[in-house]
């Protein structure tokens, strides 16, 4: 009976994998189809020939190169700011003794409970008054602000797993608090930082709400909003370049996960087991 159960479990896993992989395979095949194949053949039919020029059309005519540049700038700068602020704040809250540490942690964690839709109109009014509409700086600020709470939460979990004796020994040896953080804590935070970077990258790179709300100029659109206008502009006659654009927009996320999935799992489980 145990062998039969294992046999059916493997079949279920294979079927589940096929169901999960089918949309990806279909997307890749659709991105190399010629325009005539979308109107003359079934949508699930294999391409007669590989039309890689769809990617060139998407990058130039569809302006995906510009959208990629805007998303890369906003995402990378926001990630840098998130790590720069959340890591030392988490260290101070967890390892330094001061009266308002718990209140400060609660204040940051309350940011996780705030829905994005609630702040859109107030932020839009503020951005309009200070001139941050149609600006990548506006996106960077909002990405960083919304990324801090969950990042601090993850870093606090990591620092709680670090023994206080390690910090006390470093202080006895003459290290300042800044040296303890930079020379001892940062090297140990590799997995935690990779986890935070991965999670925040998924949020910022795939953002649609903020970029649609605060950006209206086409030359400042990000990848996700650019995909919407790309589809609306070319319609069904150019589905090949449209699918090619979608493939290109998913590649950074896919590569990041493939390279950092093991490190991310270690970072998420840091502090889960005591001792």
C-alpha atoms as a PDB file:
ATOM      1  CA  UNK A   1       0.000   0.000   0.000  1.00  0.00           C
ATOM      2  CA  UNK A   2       2.887   2.330   0.780  1.00  0.00           C
ATOM      3  CA  UNK A   3       4.389   1.785  -2.677  1.00  0.00           C
ATOM      4  CA  UNK A   4       1.002   2.426  -4.306  1.00  0.00           C
ATOM      5  CA  UNK A   5       0.665   5.654  -2.310  1.00  0.00           C
ATOM      6  CA  UNK A   6       4.111   6.810  -3.392  1.00  0.00           C
ATOM      7  CA  UNK A   7       3.254   5.958  -6.994  1.00  0.00           C
ATOM      8  CA  UNK A   8       0.093   8.067  -6.987  1.00  0.00           C
ATOM      9  CA  UNK A   9       1.921  10.873  -5.172  1.00  0.00           C
ATOM     10  CA  UNK A  10       4.503  11.022  -7.955  1.00  0.00           C
ATOM     11  CA  UNK A  11       1.771  11.035 -10.601  1.00  0.00           C
ATOM     12  CA  UNK A  12       0.000  13.884  -8.803  1.00  0.00           C
ATOM     13  CA  UNK A  13       3.241  15.884  -8.541  1.00  0.00           C
ATOM     14  CA  UNK A  14       3.964  15.377 -12.256  1.00  0.00           C
ATOM     15  CA  UNK A  15       0.429  16.443 -13.236  1.00  0.00           C
ATOM     16  CA  UNK A  16       0.621  19.463 -10.955  1.00  0.00           C
ATOM     17  CA  UNK A  17       3.983  20.425 -12.465  1.00  0.00           C
ATOM     18  CA  UNK A  18       2.545  20.141 -15.976  1.00  0.00           C
ATOM     19  CA  UNK A  19      -0.380  22.381 -15.050  1.00  0.00           C
ATOM     20  CA  UNK A  20       2.004  24.972 -13.574  1.00  0.00           C
ATOM     21  CA  UNK A  21       4.458  24.858 -16.483  1.00  0.00           C
ATOM     22  CA  UNK A  22       1.901  24.939 -19.312  1.00  0.00           C
ATOM     23  CA  UNK A  23       1.211  28.723 -19.148  1.00  0.00           C
ATOM     24  CA  UNK A  24       4.948  29.456 -19.195  1.00  0.00           C
ATOM     25  CA  UNK A  25       5.587  27.158 -22.153  1.00  0.00           C
ATOM     26  CA  UNK A  26       2.562  28.558 -23.999  1.00  0.00           C
ATOM     27  CA  UNK A  27       3.796  32.108 -23.372  1.00  0.00           C
ATOM     28  CA  UNK A  28       7.280  31.313 -24.697  1.00  0.00           C
ATOM     29  CA  UNK A  29       5.893  29.643 -27.832  1.00  0.00           C
ATOM     30  CA  UNK A  30       3.444  32.480 -28.449  1.00  0.00           C
ATOM     31  CA  UNK A  31       6.248  35.027 -28.239  1.00  0.00           C
ATOM     32  CA  UNK A  32       7.937  33.528 -31.321  1.00  0.00           C
ATOM     33  CA  UNK A  33       4.854  33.160 -33.535  1.00  0.00           C
ATOM     34  CA  UNK A  34       4.310  35.250 -36.648  1.00  0.00           C
ATOM     35  CA  UNK A  35       1.282  37.605 -36.783  1.00  0.00           C
ATOM     36  CA  UNK A  36      -0.592  35.402 -39.260  1.00  0.00           C
ATOM     37  CA  UNK A  37      -0.475  32.386 -36.973  1.00  0.00           C
ATOM     38  CA  UNK A  38      -2.609  34.101 -34.327  1.00  0.00           C
ATOM     39  CA  UNK A  39      -5.468  34.610 -36.771  1.00  0.00           C
ATOM     40  CA  UNK A  40      -5.163  31.518 -38.969  1.00  0.00           C
ATOM     41  CA  UNK A  41      -4.255  28.814 -36.459  1.00  0.00           C
ATOM     42  CA  UNK A  42      -5.454  27.691 -33.041  1.00  0.00           C
ATOM     43  CA  UNK A  43      -3.988  29.495 -30.047  1.00  0.00           C
ATOM     44  CA  UNK A  44      -2.515  26.249 -28.693  1.00  0.00           C
ATOM     45  CA  UNK A  45      -0.852  25.287 -31.993  1.00  0.00           C
ATOM     46  CA  UNK A  46       2.933  25.126 -32.155  1.00  0.00           C
ATOM     47  CA  UNK A  47       4.644  27.881 -34.177  1.00  0.00           C
ATOM     48  CA  UNK A  48       5.493  27.040 -37.784  1.00  0.00           C
ATOM     49  CA  UNK A  49       8.731  29.003 -37.507  1.00  0.00           C
ATOM     50  CA  UNK A  50      10.488  30.864 -34.720  1.00  0.00           C
ATOM     51  CA  UNK A  51       9.990  34.615 -35.172  1.00  0.00           C
ATOM     52  CA  UNK A  52      12.568  36.091 -32.777  1.00  0.00           C
ATOM     53  CA  UNK A  53      12.113  39.482 -34.395  1.00  0.00           C
ATOM     54  CA  UNK A  54       9.114  39.893 -32.073  1.00  0.00           C
ATOM     55  CA  UNK A  55      11.564  40.650 -29.282  1.00  0.00           C
ATOM     56  CA  UNK A  56      13.293  43.338 -31.328  1.00  0.00           C
ATOM     57  CA  UNK A  57       9.945  44.927 -32.179  1.00  0.00           C
ATOM     58  CA  UNK A  58       8.895  44.847 -28.526  1.00  0.00           C
ATOM     59  CA  UNK A  59      12.186  46.400 -27.377  1.00  0.00           C
ATOM     60  CA  UNK A  60      12.254  49.235 -29.911  1.00  0.00           C
ATOM     61  CA  UNK A  61       8.761  49.926 -31.275  1.00  0.00           C
ATOM     62  CA  UNK A  62       7.064  48.887 -28.050  1.00  0.00           C
ATOM     63  CA  UNK A  63       9.564  50.998 -26.036  1.00  0.00           C
ATOM     64  CA  UNK A  64      10.268  48.138 -23.654  1.00  0.00           C
ATOM     65  CA  UNK A  65      13.860  49.334 -23.427  1.00  0.00           C
ATOM     66  CA  UNK A  66      12.683  52.651 -21.923  1.00  0.00           C
ATOM     67  CA  UNK A  67      10.262  50.905 -19.568  1.00  0.00           C
ATOM     68  CA  UNK A  68      12.988  48.513 -18.423  1.00  0.00           C
ATOM     69  CA  UNK A  69      15.309  51.429 -17.694  1.00  0.00           C
ATOM     70  CA  UNK A  70      12.668  53.218 -15.612  1.00  0.00           C
ATOM     71  CA  UNK A  71      11.786  50.080 -13.649  1.00  0.00           C
ATOM     72  CA  UNK A  72      15.451  49.273 -13.065  1.00  0.00           C
ATOM     73  CA  UNK A  73      16.218  52.761 -11.716  1.00  0.00           C
ATOM     74  CA  UNK A  74      13.177  52.885  -9.424  1.00  0.00           C
ATOM     75  CA  UNK A  75      13.630  49.312  -8.192  1.00  0.00           C
ATOM     76  CA  UNK A  76      17.388  49.359  -7.543  1.00  0.00           C
ATOM     77  CA  UNK A  77      17.405  52.724  -5.770  1.00  0.00           C
ATOM     78  CA  UNK A  78      14.399  51.723  -3.649  1.00  0.00           C
ATOM     79  CA  UNK A  79      16.056  48.421  -2.689  1.00  0.00           C
ATOM     80  CA  UNK A  80      19.233  50.249  -1.684  1.00  0.00           C
ATOM     81  CA  UNK A  81      17.275  52.659   0.517  1.00  0.00           C
ATOM     82  CA  UNK A  82      15.228  49.855   2.082  1.00  0.00           C
ATOM     83  CA  UNK A  83      18.318  47.871   3.095  1.00  0.00           C
ATOM     84  CA  UNK A  84      20.191  50.991   4.221  1.00  0.00           C
ATOM     85  CA  UNK A  85      17.431  52.055   6.619  1.00  0.00           C
ATOM     86  CA  UNK A  86      15.741  48.806   7.685  1.00  0.00           C
ATOM     87  CA  UNK A  87      18.868  46.858   8.679  1.00  0.00           C
ATOM     88  CA  UNK A  88      20.293  49.352  11.236  1.00  0.00           C
ATOM     89  CA  UNK A  89      16.815  50.208  12.542  1.00  0.00           C
ATOM     90  CA  UNK A  90      16.105  46.515  13.161  1.00  0.00           C
ATOM     91  CA  UNK A  91      19.461  46.104  14.895  1.00  0.00           C
ATOM     92  CA  UNK A  92      18.773  49.076  17.160  1.00  0.00           C
ATOM     93  CA  UNK A  93      15.276  47.844  18.023  1.00  0.00           C
ATOM     94  CA  UNK A  94      16.387  44.277  18.776  1.00  0.00           C
ATOM     95  CA  UNK A  95      19.854  44.556  20.330  1.00  0.00           C
ATOM     96  CA  UNK A  96      20.043  48.042  21.845  1.00  0.00           C
ATOM     97  CA  UNK A  97      18.239  48.780  25.118  1.00  0.00           C
ATOM     98  CA  UNK A  98      16.157  51.964  25.055  1.00  0.00           C
ATOM     99  CA  UNK A  99      12.674  52.801  26.319  1.00  0.00           C
ATOM    100  CA  UNK A 100      10.840  53.321  23.035  1.00  0.00           C
ATOM    101  CA  UNK A 101      12.163  50.265  21.185  1.00  0.00           C
ATOM    102  CA  UNK A 102       8.926  48.262  21.368  1.00  0.00           C
ATOM    103  CA  UNK A 103       6.782  51.275  20.519  1.00  0.00           C
ATOM    104  CA  UNK A 104       9.021  52.008  17.542  1.00  0.00           C
ATOM    105  CA  UNK A 105       8.744  48.416  16.333  1.00  0.00           C
ATOM    106  CA  UNK A 106       4.965  48.525  16.695  1.00  0.00           C
ATOM    107  CA  UNK A 107       4.844  51.791  14.774  1.00  0.00           C
ATOM    108  CA  UNK A 108       6.740  50.281  11.839  1.00  0.00           C
ATOM    109  CA  UNK A 109       4.751  47.033  11.880  1.00  0.00           C
ATOM    110  CA  UNK A 110       1.496  48.978  11.714  1.00  0.00           C
ATOM    111  CA  UNK A 111       2.578  49.943   8.207  1.00  0.00           C
ATOM    112  CA  UNK A 112       1.984  46.338   7.124  1.00  0.00           C
ATOM    113  CA  UNK A 113      -1.709  46.678   7.996  1.00  0.00           C
ATOM    114  CA  UNK A 114      -2.302  49.798   5.882  1.00  0.00           C
ATOM    115  CA  UNK A 115      -3.922  48.930   2.511  1.00  0.00           C
ATOM    116  CA  UNK A 116      -2.325  50.519  -0.517  1.00  0.00           C
ATOM    117  CA  UNK A 117      -5.666  51.808  -1.807  1.00  0.00           C
ATOM    118  CA  UNK A 118      -6.231  53.893   1.338  1.00  0.00           C
ATOM    119  CA  UNK A 119      -3.194  56.104   0.761  1.00  0.00           C
ATOM    120  CA  UNK A 120      -3.466  56.617  -3.000  1.00  0.00           C
ATOM    121  CA  UNK A 121      -5.598  59.768  -2.966  1.00  0.00           C
ATOM    122  CA  UNK A 122      -3.726  61.493  -0.075  1.00  0.00           C
ATOM    123  CA  UNK A 123      -0.384  60.636  -1.675  1.00  0.00           C
ATOM    124  CA  UNK A 124      -1.574  61.887  -5.062  1.00  0.00           C
ATOM    125  CA  UNK A 125      -2.573  65.242  -3.528  1.00  0.00           C
ATOM    126  CA  UNK A 126       0.737  65.532  -1.669  1.00  0.00           C
ATOM    127  CA  UNK A 127       2.751  64.604  -4.754  1.00  0.00           C
ATOM    128  CA  UNK A 128       0.831  67.135  -6.835  1.00  0.00           C
ATOM    129  CA  UNK A 129       1.501  69.912  -4.315  1.00  0.00           C
ATOM    130  CA  UNK A 130       5.233  69.187  -4.028  1.00  0.00           C
ATOM    131  CA  UNK A 131       5.784  68.436  -7.725  1.00  0.00           C
ATOM    132  CA  UNK A 132       6.572  64.705  -7.495  1.00  0.00           C
ATOM    133  CA  UNK A 133       3.993  63.549 -10.040  1.00  0.00           C
ATOM    134  CA  UNK A 134       5.549  62.095 -13.212  1.00  0.00           C
ATOM    135  CA  UNK A 135       8.808  61.565 -11.370  1.00  0.00           C
ATOM    136  CA  UNK A 136      10.771  58.390 -10.686  1.00  0.00           C
ATOM    137  CA  UNK A 137      11.735  59.958  -7.356  1.00  0.00           C
ATOM    138  CA  UNK A 138       8.081  59.794  -6.327  1.00  0.00           C
ATOM    139  CA  UNK A 139       7.980  56.063  -7.084  1.00  0.00           C
ATOM    140  CA  UNK A 140      11.247  55.479  -5.230  1.00  0.00           C
ATOM    141  CA  UNK A 141       9.904  57.229  -2.118  1.00  0.00           C
ATOM    142  CA  UNK A 142       6.662  55.271  -2.030  1.00  0.00           C
ATOM    143  CA  UNK A 143       8.398  51.965  -2.787  1.00  0.00           C
ATOM    144  CA  UNK A 144      10.859  52.572   0.035  1.00  0.00           C
ATOM    145  CA  UNK A 145       8.164  53.626   2.503  1.00  0.00           C
ATOM    146  CA  UNK A 146       5.983  50.587   1.852  1.00  0.00           C
ATOM    147  CA  UNK A 147       8.979  48.269   1.817  1.00  0.00           C
ATOM    148  CA  UNK A 148      10.328  49.273   5.235  1.00  0.00           C
ATOM    149  CA  UNK A 149       7.712  47.593   7.514  1.00  0.00           C
ATOM    150  CA  UNK A 150       8.007  44.042   6.162  1.00  0.00           C
ATOM    151  CA  UNK A 151      11.781  44.421   5.827  1.00  0.00           C
ATOM    152  CA  UNK A 152      12.128  45.506   9.450  1.00  0.00           C
ATOM    153  CA  UNK A 153       9.907  42.614  10.489  1.00  0.00           C
ATOM    154  CA  UNK A 154      12.153  40.095   8.715  1.00  0.00           C
ATOM    155  CA  UNK A 155      15.388  41.644   9.996  1.00  0.00           C
ATOM    156  CA  UNK A 156      14.066  41.721  13.567  1.00  0.00           C
ATOM    157  CA  UNK A 157      13.398  37.987  13.307  1.00  0.00           C
ATOM    158  CA  UNK A 158      16.979  37.462  12.177  1.00  0.00           C
ATOM    159  CA  UNK A 159      18.551  39.591  14.924  1.00  0.00           C
ATOM    160  CA  UNK A 160      16.549  37.759  17.581  1.00  0.00           C
ATOM    161  CA  UNK A 161      18.304  34.552  16.516  1.00  0.00           C
ATOM    162  CA  UNK A 162      21.756  36.117  17.056  1.00  0.00           C
ATOM    163  CA  UNK A 163      23.098  35.428  20.575  1.00  0.00           C
ATOM    164  CA  UNK A 164      23.664  38.510  22.703  1.00  0.00           C
ATOM    165  CA  UNK A 165      26.917  36.964  23.921  1.00  0.00           C
ATOM    166  CA  UNK A 166      28.427  37.528  20.484  1.00  0.00           C
ATOM    167  CA  UNK A 167      27.757  41.257  20.674  1.00  0.00           C
ATOM    168  CA  UNK A 168      28.891  41.473  24.291  1.00  0.00           C
ATOM    169  CA  UNK A 169      32.195  39.770  23.428  1.00  0.00           C
ATOM    170  CA  UNK A 170      32.770  42.226  20.590  1.00  0.00           C
ATOM    171  CA  UNK A 171      32.070  45.197  22.860  1.00  0.00           C
ATOM    172  CA  UNK A 172      34.467  43.836  25.479  1.00  0.00           C
ATOM    173  CA  UNK A 173      37.142  43.583  22.774  1.00  0.00           C
ATOM    174  CA  UNK A 174      36.708  47.303  22.117  1.00  0.00           C
ATOM    175  CA  UNK A 175      34.218  47.412  19.209  1.00  0.00           C
ATOM    176  CA  UNK A 176      31.817  50.316  19.029  1.00  0.00           C
ATOM    177  CA  UNK A 177      28.154  49.764  18.215  1.00  0.00           C
ATOM    178  CA  UNK A 178      28.806  50.865  14.644  1.00  0.00           C
ATOM    179  CA  UNK A 179      31.695  48.382  14.337  1.00  0.00           C
ATOM    180  CA  UNK A 180      29.569  45.587  15.790  1.00  0.00           C
ATOM    181  CA  UNK A 181      26.913  46.210  13.163  1.00  0.00           C
ATOM    182  CA  UNK A 182      29.205  46.666  10.161  1.00  0.00           C
ATOM    183  CA  UNK A 183      31.928  44.106  10.964  1.00  0.00           C
ATOM    184  CA  UNK A 184      29.960  41.369  12.725  1.00  0.00           C
ATOM    185  CA  UNK A 185      26.266  41.654  11.918  1.00  0.00           C
ATOM    186  CA  UNK A 186      26.400  42.532   8.218  1.00  0.00           C
ATOM    187  CA  UNK A 187      28.446  39.454   7.205  1.00  0.00           C
ATOM    188  CA  UNK A 188      25.960  37.275   9.105  1.00  0.00           C
ATOM    189  CA  UNK A 189      22.989  38.947   7.390  1.00  0.00           C
ATOM    190  CA  UNK A 190      23.715  37.590   3.910  1.00  0.00           C
ATOM    191  CA  UNK A 191      20.698  35.260   3.814  1.00  0.00           C
ATOM    192  CA  UNK A 192      18.387  37.761   5.481  1.00  0.00           C
ATOM    193  CA  UNK A 193      19.409  40.544   3.084  1.00  0.00           C
ATOM    194  CA  UNK A 194      18.899  38.240   0.088  1.00  0.00           C
ATOM    195  CA  UNK A 195      15.418  37.399   1.383  1.00  0.00           C
ATOM    196  CA  UNK A 196      14.461  41.041   1.819  1.00  0.00           C
ATOM    197  CA  UNK A 197      15.868  41.970  -1.586  1.00  0.00           C
ATOM    198  CA  UNK A 198      13.913  39.191  -3.291  1.00  0.00           C
ATOM    199  CA  UNK A 199      10.612  40.052  -1.621  1.00  0.00           C
ATOM    200  CA  UNK A 200      10.980  43.774  -2.216  1.00  0.00           C
ATOM    201  CA  UNK A 201      12.093  43.242  -5.798  1.00  0.00           C
ATOM    202  CA  UNK A 202       8.911  41.298  -6.512  1.00  0.00           C
ATOM    203  CA  UNK A 203       6.848  44.132  -5.026  1.00  0.00           C
ATOM    204  CA  UNK A 204       8.577  47.016  -6.803  1.00  0.00           C
ATOM    205  CA  UNK A 205       9.235  45.383 -10.176  1.00  0.00           C
ATOM    206  CA  UNK A 206       5.652  44.091 -10.497  1.00  0.00           C
ATOM    207  CA  UNK A 207       3.998  47.232  -9.146  1.00  0.00           C
ATOM    208  CA  UNK A 208       1.076  48.486 -11.180  1.00  0.00           C
ATOM    209  CA  UNK A 209      -1.017  50.590  -8.778  1.00  0.00           C
ATOM    210  CA  UNK A 210       1.555  53.228  -7.821  1.00  0.00           C
ATOM    211  CA  UNK A 211       3.052  53.575 -11.287  1.00  0.00           C
ATOM    212  CA  UNK A 212      -0.378  54.006 -12.877  1.00  0.00           C
ATOM    213  CA  UNK A 213      -1.421  56.556 -10.249  1.00  0.00           C
ATOM    214  CA  UNK A 214       1.660  58.767 -10.156  1.00  0.00           C
ATOM    215  CA  UNK A 215       3.086  58.403 -13.680  1.00  0.00           C
ATOM    216  CA  UNK A 216       1.233  59.583 -16.791  1.00  0.00           C
ATOM    217  CA  UNK A 217       4.119  60.443 -19.146  1.00  0.00           C
ATOM    218  CA  UNK A 218       4.899  57.586 -21.526  1.00  0.00           C
ATOM    219  CA  UNK A 219       8.673  58.051 -21.301  1.00  0.00           C
ATOM    220  CA  UNK A 220       8.481  57.503 -17.526  1.00  0.00           C
ATOM    221  CA  UNK A 221       6.262  54.430 -17.523  1.00  0.00           C
ATOM    222  CA  UNK A 222       7.530  51.286 -15.835  1.00  0.00           C
ATOM    223  CA  UNK A 223       7.464  47.776 -17.275  1.00  0.00           C
ATOM    224  CA  UNK A 224       4.058  46.738 -15.965  1.00  0.00           C
ATOM    225  CA  UNK A 225       2.214  49.878 -17.052  1.00  0.00           C
ATOM    226  CA  UNK A 226       4.125  49.858 -20.338  1.00  0.00           C
ATOM    227  CA  UNK A 227       2.767  46.379 -21.066  1.00  0.00           C
ATOM    228  CA  UNK A 228      -0.789  47.688 -20.783  1.00  0.00           C
ATOM    229  CA  UNK A 229      -0.227  50.500 -23.254  1.00  0.00           C
ATOM    230  CA  UNK A 230       1.757  48.232 -25.520  1.00  0.00           C
ATOM    231  CA  UNK A 231      -1.197  45.854 -25.828  1.00  0.00           C
ATOM    232  CA  UNK A 232      -3.666  48.679 -26.286  1.00  0.00           C
ATOM    233  CA  UNK A 233      -1.577  50.306 -28.990  1.00  0.00           C
ATOM    234  CA  UNK A 234      -0.923  47.282 -31.203  1.00  0.00           C
ATOM    235  CA  UNK A 235      -3.968  45.114 -30.458  1.00  0.00           C
ATOM    236  CA  UNK A 236      -4.434  41.638 -31.913  1.00  0.00           C
ATOM    237  CA  UNK A 237      -2.375  42.295 -35.053  1.00  0.00           C
ATOM    238  CA  UNK A 238       0.855  42.237 -33.041  1.00  0.00           C
ATOM    239  CA  UNK A 239       0.287  39.649 -30.321  1.00  0.00           C
ATOM    240  CA  UNK A 240       3.736  38.183 -30.936  1.00  0.00           C
ATOM    241  CA  UNK A 241       5.603  41.303 -29.758  1.00  0.00           C
ATOM    242  CA  UNK A 242       3.120  41.623 -26.905  1.00  0.00           C
ATOM    243  CA  UNK A 243       3.903  38.141 -25.625  1.00  0.00           C
ATOM    244  CA  UNK A 244       7.603  38.812 -26.172  1.00  0.00           C
ATOM    245  CA  UNK A 245       7.270  41.873 -23.924  1.00  0.00           C
ATOM    246  CA  UNK A 246       5.607  39.785 -21.225  1.00  0.00           C
ATOM    247  CA  UNK A 247       8.416  37.223 -21.417  1.00  0.00           C
ATOM    248  CA  UNK A 248      11.053  39.929 -21.041  1.00  0.00           C
ATOM    249  CA  UNK A 249       9.231  41.477 -18.078  1.00  0.00           C
ATOM    250  CA  UNK A 250       9.219  38.148 -16.218  1.00  0.00           C
ATOM    251  CA  UNK A 251      12.876  37.240 -16.843  1.00  0.00           C
ATOM    252  CA  UNK A 252      14.420  39.395 -14.060  1.00  0.00           C
ATOM    253  CA  UNK A 253      12.046  37.913 -11.476  1.00  0.00           C
ATOM    254  CA  UNK A 254      12.639  34.367 -12.743  1.00  0.00           C
ATOM    255  CA  UNK A 255      16.428  34.671 -12.726  1.00  0.00           C
ATOM    256  CA  UNK A 256      16.426  36.287  -9.286  1.00  0.00           C
ATOM    257  CA  UNK A 257      14.379  33.446  -7.835  1.00  0.00           C
ATOM    258  CA  UNK A 258      16.430  30.721  -9.515  1.00  0.00           C
ATOM    259  CA  UNK A 259      19.698  32.113  -8.159  1.00  0.00           C
ATOM    260  CA  UNK A 260      18.501  33.104  -4.695  1.00  0.00           C
ATOM    261  CA  UNK A 261      15.754  30.588  -3.816  1.00  0.00           C
ATOM    262  CA  UNK A 262      17.940  28.525  -1.469  1.00  0.00           C
ATOM    263  CA  UNK A 263      19.350  31.621   0.201  1.00  0.00           C
ATOM    264  CA  UNK A 264      15.846  33.062   0.499  1.00  0.00           C
ATOM    265  CA  UNK A 265      14.524  29.927   2.227  1.00  0.00           C
ATOM    266  CA  UNK A 266      17.382  30.074   4.732  1.00  0.00           C
ATOM    267  CA  UNK A 267      16.645  33.727   5.380  1.00  0.00           C
ATOM    268  CA  UNK A 268      12.936  33.116   5.926  1.00  0.00           C
ATOM    269  CA  UNK A 269      13.628  30.319   8.409  1.00  0.00           C
ATOM    270  CA  UNK A 270      16.259  32.290  10.333  1.00  0.00           C
ATOM    271  CA  UNK A 271      15.116  32.521  13.918  1.00  0.00           C
ATOM    272  CA  UNK A 272      12.382  29.915  13.440  1.00  0.00           C
ATOM    273  CA  UNK A 273      14.290  27.407  15.559  1.00  0.00           C
ATOM    274  CA  UNK A 274      15.817  28.571  18.830  1.00  0.00           C
ATOM    275  CA  UNK A 275      19.227  27.375  19.916  1.00  0.00           C
END
